[in-house]
Amino acid sequence: MFTLVALIVGLMFIVFGLAGVHYAPAVVKAQDRLEVALFDSDELEEDERVKITKGTAAVITFVGFGLIVYGLV
């Protein structure tokens, strides 16, 4: 049972992580438009914020792969 849950959650993490990597520039623009940017983000340029968002999404993707491997073992 736990194996199935780990596989499903891992797959969801991978999908959301890859979507986050792909849509990172749009997410940053939406944050600017809605004025919900990070605390003290005035110091960061838009390119840096996109890199941070992509990095976070990549970590989520790797966690998803880890969960899938854990579920298969």
C-alpha atoms as a PDB file:
ATOM      1  CA  MET A   1       0.000   0.000   0.000  1.00  0.00           C
ATOM      2  CA  PHE A   2       2.743   2.456   0.959  1.00  0.00           C
ATOM      3  CA  THR A   3       4.563   1.591  -2.257  1.00  0.00           C
ATOM      4  CA  LEU A   4       1.596   2.691  -4.331  1.00  0.00           C
ATOM      5  CA  VAL A   5       1.262   5.922  -2.361  1.00  0.00           C
ATOM      6  CA  ALA A   6       4.981   6.673  -2.796  1.00  0.00           C
ATOM      7  CA  LEU A   7       4.716   6.083  -6.543  1.00  0.00           C
ATOM      8  CA  ILE A   8       1.660   8.312  -6.930  1.00  0.00           C
ATOM      9  CA  VAL A   9       3.054  11.121  -4.786  1.00  0.00           C
ATOM     10  CA  GLY A  10       6.406  10.853  -6.564  1.00  0.00           C
ATOM     11  CA  LEU A  11       4.718  11.121  -9.937  1.00  0.00           C
ATOM     12  CA  MET A  12       2.764  14.161  -8.762  1.00  0.00           C
ATOM     13  CA  PHE A  13       5.967  15.824  -7.523  1.00  0.00           C
ATOM     14  CA  ILE A  14       7.632  15.187 -10.876  1.00  0.00           C
ATOM     15  CA  VAL A  15       4.714  16.641 -12.828  1.00  0.00           C
ATOM     16  CA  PHE A  16       4.448  19.743 -10.638  1.00  0.00           C
ATOM     17  CA  GLY A  17       8.222  20.170 -10.573  1.00  0.00           C
ATOM     18  CA  LEU A  18       8.532  20.026 -14.344  1.00  0.00           C
ATOM     19  CA  ALA A  19       5.628  22.442 -14.704  1.00  0.00           C
ATOM     20  CA  GLY A  20       7.352  24.771 -12.252  1.00  0.00           C
ATOM     21  CA  VAL A  21      10.567  24.687 -14.257  1.00  0.00           C
ATOM     22  CA  HIS A  22       8.677  25.388 -17.459  1.00  0.00           C
ATOM     23  CA  TYR A  23       6.438  28.159 -16.107  1.00  0.00           C
ATOM     24  CA  ALA A  24       8.941  29.860 -13.766  1.00  0.00           C
ATOM     25  CA  PRO A  25       9.123  33.104 -15.798  1.00  0.00           C
ATOM     26  CA  ALA A  26       5.329  33.349 -15.859  1.00  0.00           C
ATOM     27  CA  VAL A  27       5.172  32.722 -12.108  1.00  0.00           C
ATOM     28  CA  VAL A  28       7.636  35.542 -11.430  1.00  0.00           C
ATOM     29  CA  LYS A  29       5.709  37.926 -13.693  1.00  0.00           C
ATOM     30  CA  ALA A  30       2.453  37.005 -11.961  1.00  0.00           C
ATOM     31  CA  GLN A  31       4.076  37.657  -8.574  1.00  0.00           C
ATOM     32  CA  ASP A  32       5.121  41.105  -9.780  1.00  0.00           C
ATOM     33  CA  ARG A  33       1.692  41.844 -11.229  1.00  0.00           C
ATOM     34  CA  LEU A  34      -0.125  40.774  -8.056  1.00  0.00           C
ATOM     35  CA  GLU A  35       2.536  42.302  -5.794  1.00  0.00           C
ATOM     36  CA  VAL A  36       3.080  39.070  -3.877  1.00  0.00           C
ATOM     37  CA  ALA A  37       6.827  38.927  -4.354  1.00  0.00           C
ATOM     38  CA  LEU A  38       9.179  37.504  -1.780  1.00  0.00           C
ATOM     39  CA  PHE A  39      10.220  39.446   1.295  1.00  0.00           C
ATOM     40  CA  ASP A  40      13.175  41.716   0.432  1.00  0.00           C
ATOM     41  CA  SER A  41      12.981  40.723  -3.223  1.00  0.00           C
ATOM     42  CA  ASP A  42      13.816  44.289  -4.240  1.00  0.00           C
ATOM     43  CA  GLU A  43      17.469  43.270  -4.062  1.00  0.00           C
ATOM     44  CA  LEU A  44      16.955  40.468  -6.588  1.00  0.00           C
ATOM     45  CA  GLU A  45      16.597  41.039 -10.290  1.00  0.00           C
ATOM     46  CA  GLU A  46      13.937  39.233 -12.281  1.00  0.00           C
ATOM     47  CA  ASP A  47      16.464  36.829 -13.834  1.00  0.00           C
ATOM     48  CA  GLU A  48      17.692  35.800 -10.395  1.00  0.00           C
ATOM     49  CA  ARG A  49      14.136  35.242  -9.177  1.00  0.00           C
ATOM     50  CA  VAL A  50      13.430  33.040 -12.208  1.00  0.00           C
ATOM     51  CA  LYS A  51      16.577  31.012 -11.466  1.00  0.00           C
ATOM     52  CA  ILE A  52      15.519  30.566  -7.834  1.00  0.00           C
ATOM     53  CA  THR A  53      12.032  29.475  -8.884  1.00  0.00           C
ATOM     54  CA  LYS A  54      13.448  27.009 -11.411  1.00  0.00           C
ATOM     55  CA  GLY A  55      15.873  25.671  -8.812  1.00  0.00           C
ATOM     56  CA  THR A  56      13.082  25.094  -6.329  1.00  0.00           C
ATOM     57  CA  ALA A  57      11.037  23.294  -8.971  1.00  0.00           C
ATOM     58  CA  ALA A  58      14.046  21.162  -9.905  1.00  0.00           C
ATOM     59  CA  VAL A  59      14.470  20.107  -6.271  1.00  0.00           C
ATOM     60  CA  ILE A  60      10.798  19.116  -6.149  1.00  0.00           C
ATOM     61  CA  THR A  61      11.321  17.074  -9.328  1.00  0.00           C
ATOM     62  CA  PHE A  62      14.313  15.266  -7.818  1.00  0.00           C
ATOM     63  CA  VAL A  63      12.324  14.529  -4.668  1.00  0.00           C
ATOM     64  CA  GLY A  64       9.648  13.007  -6.895  1.00  0.00           C
ATOM     65  CA  PHE A  65      12.198  10.770  -8.592  1.00  0.00           C
ATOM     66  CA  GLY A  66      13.500   9.773  -5.176  1.00  0.00           C
ATOM     67  CA  LEU A  67      10.021   8.824  -4.020  1.00  0.00           C
ATOM     68  CA  ILE A  68       9.482   6.716  -7.116  1.00  0.00           C
ATOM     69  CA  VAL A  69      12.778   4.909  -6.603  1.00  0.00           C
ATOM     70  CA  TYR A  70      11.888   4.392  -2.942  1.00  0.00           C
ATOM     71  CA  GLY A  71       8.496   3.020  -3.932  1.00  0.00           C
ATOM     72  CA  LEU A  72      10.034   0.581  -6.395  1.00  0.00           C
ATOM     73  CA  VAL A  73      12.633  -0.786  -3.986  1.00  0.00           C
END
